[in-house]
C-alpha atoms as a PDB file:
ATOM      1  CA  MET A   1       4.541-131.184-105.187  1.00  0.00           C
ATOM      2  CA  THR A   2       1.433-133.049-103.845  1.00  0.00           C
ATOM      3  CA  SER A   3      -2.341-132.004-103.155  1.00  0.00           C
ATOM      4  CA  SER A   4      -4.607-134.482-101.065  1.00  0.00           C
ATOM      5  CA  THR A   5      -7.888-134.702 -99.410  1.00  0.00           C
ATOM      6  CA  THR A   6      -9.833-135.595 -96.524  1.00  0.00           C
ATOM      7  CA  ALA A   7     -13.510-136.336 -96.087  1.00  0.00           C
ATOM      8  CA  GLY A   8     -14.674-132.678 -95.963  1.00  0.00           C
ATOM      9  CA  GLY A   9     -11.509-131.593 -95.666  1.00  0.00           C
ATOM     10  CA  PRO A  10      -9.754-128.731 -97.748  1.00  0.00           C
ATOM     11  CA  LEU A  11      -6.564-129.310 -99.824  1.00  0.00           C
ATOM     12  CA  LYS A  12      -3.303-129.901 -98.511  1.00  0.00           C
ATOM     13  CA  TYR A  13       0.207-129.270-100.169  1.00  0.00           C
ATOM     14  CA  VAL A  14       3.102-131.235 -99.280  1.00  0.00           C
ATOM     15  CA  ASN A  15       6.445-131.578-100.744  1.00  0.00           C
ATOM     16  CA  ILE A  16       7.350-134.890-101.044  1.00  0.00           C
ATOM     17  CA  GLN A  17      11.049-135.692 -99.124  1.00  0.00           C
ATOM     18  CA  ASP A  18      13.807-138.241-100.879  1.00  0.00           C
ATOM     19  CA  ASN A  19      13.217-140.739 -97.554  1.00  0.00           C
ATOM     20  CA  ASP A  20       9.175-140.282 -97.597  1.00  0.00           C
ATOM     21  CA  LEU A  21       7.583-143.446 -98.621  1.00  0.00           C
ATOM     22  CA  VAL A  22       5.398-142.936-101.206  1.00  0.00           C
ATOM     23  CA  THR A  23       2.598-145.963-101.783  1.00  0.00           C
ATOM     24  CA  SER A  24       2.434-145.866-105.584  1.00  0.00           C
ATOM     25  CA  LYS A  25       6.177-146.755-105.385  1.00  0.00           C
ATOM     26  CA  LEU A  26       5.340-150.178-103.431  1.00  0.00           C
ATOM     27  CA  VAL A  27       2.823-151.609-105.610  1.00  0.00           C
ATOM     28  CA  GLY A  28       4.291-154.343-107.695  1.00  0.00           C
ATOM     29  CA  VAL A  29       7.422-155.306-105.167  1.00  0.00           C
ATOM     30  CA  ASP A  30       7.834-158.430-104.176  1.00  0.00           C
ATOM     31  CA  ILE A  31       6.231-159.807-100.277  1.00  0.00           C
ATOM     32  CA  TYR A  32       8.346-162.437 -98.942  1.00  0.00           C
ATOM     33  CA  ASN A  33       7.878-164.845 -95.573  1.00  0.00           C
ATOM     34  CA  LYS A  34      10.169-165.181 -92.595  1.00  0.00           C
ATOM     35  CA  GLN A  35      11.331-168.324 -94.692  1.00  0.00           C
ATOM     36  CA  ASN A  36      12.509-165.525 -97.023  1.00  0.00           C
ATOM     37  CA  GLU A  37      10.140-166.896-100.077  1.00  0.00           C
ATOM     38  CA  THR A  38       8.131-164.878-102.466  1.00  0.00           C
ATOM     39  CA  ILE A  39       4.277-165.050-101.102  1.00  0.00           C
ATOM     40  CA  GLY A  40       3.166-162.478-103.320  1.00  0.00           C
ATOM     41  CA  LYS A  41       3.537-158.658-104.805  1.00  0.00           C
ATOM     42  CA  MET A  42       2.109-156.304-103.578  1.00  0.00           C
ATOM     43  CA  SER A  43      -1.321-154.827-105.214  1.00  0.00           C
ATOM     44  CA  ASP A  44      -2.758-151.780-102.885  1.00  0.00           C
ATOM     45  CA  VAL A  45      -2.293-150.291-100.125  1.00  0.00           C
ATOM     46  CA  VAL A  46      -5.112-149.659 -98.095  1.00  0.00           C
ATOM     47  CA  ILE A  47      -5.052-147.858 -95.308  1.00  0.00           C
ATOM     48  CA  GLY A  48      -7.604-148.806 -92.556  1.00  0.00           C
ATOM     49  CA  ASP A  49      -9.701-147.145 -90.052  1.00  0.00           C
ATOM     50  CA  GLY A  50      -6.847-145.131 -87.440  1.00  0.00           C
ATOM     51  CA  LEU A  51      -5.043-144.424 -90.427  1.00  0.00           C
ATOM     52  CA  ARG A  52      -3.150-147.820 -90.481  1.00  0.00           C
ATOM     53  CA  ALA A  53      -1.779-149.258 -93.456  1.00  0.00           C
ATOM     54  CA  MET A  54      -2.200-152.487 -94.644  1.00  0.00           C
ATOM     55  CA  PRO A  55      -0.809-154.025 -97.702  1.00  0.00           C
ATOM     56  CA  HIS A  56      -2.706-156.119 -99.979  1.00  0.00           C
ATOM     57  CA  ARG A  57      -1.021-158.977-102.149  1.00  0.00           C
ATOM     58  CA  SER A  58      -2.363-160.575-105.191  1.00  0.00           C
ATOM     59  CA  LEU A  59      -1.431-163.973-105.810  1.00  0.00           C
END
């Protein structure tokens, strides 16, 4: 079970399911372009305005 906070909101406990995407598992994953060439590794995931996930890569 994992808890999280929102700005000014209470803690919410959730059960992580086997098919849920957990961002901590993405760090270090290779990133490929359309030509299937490695262009970097995932170094972080940023949750932006509108709760859209944006990968951040290291070169």
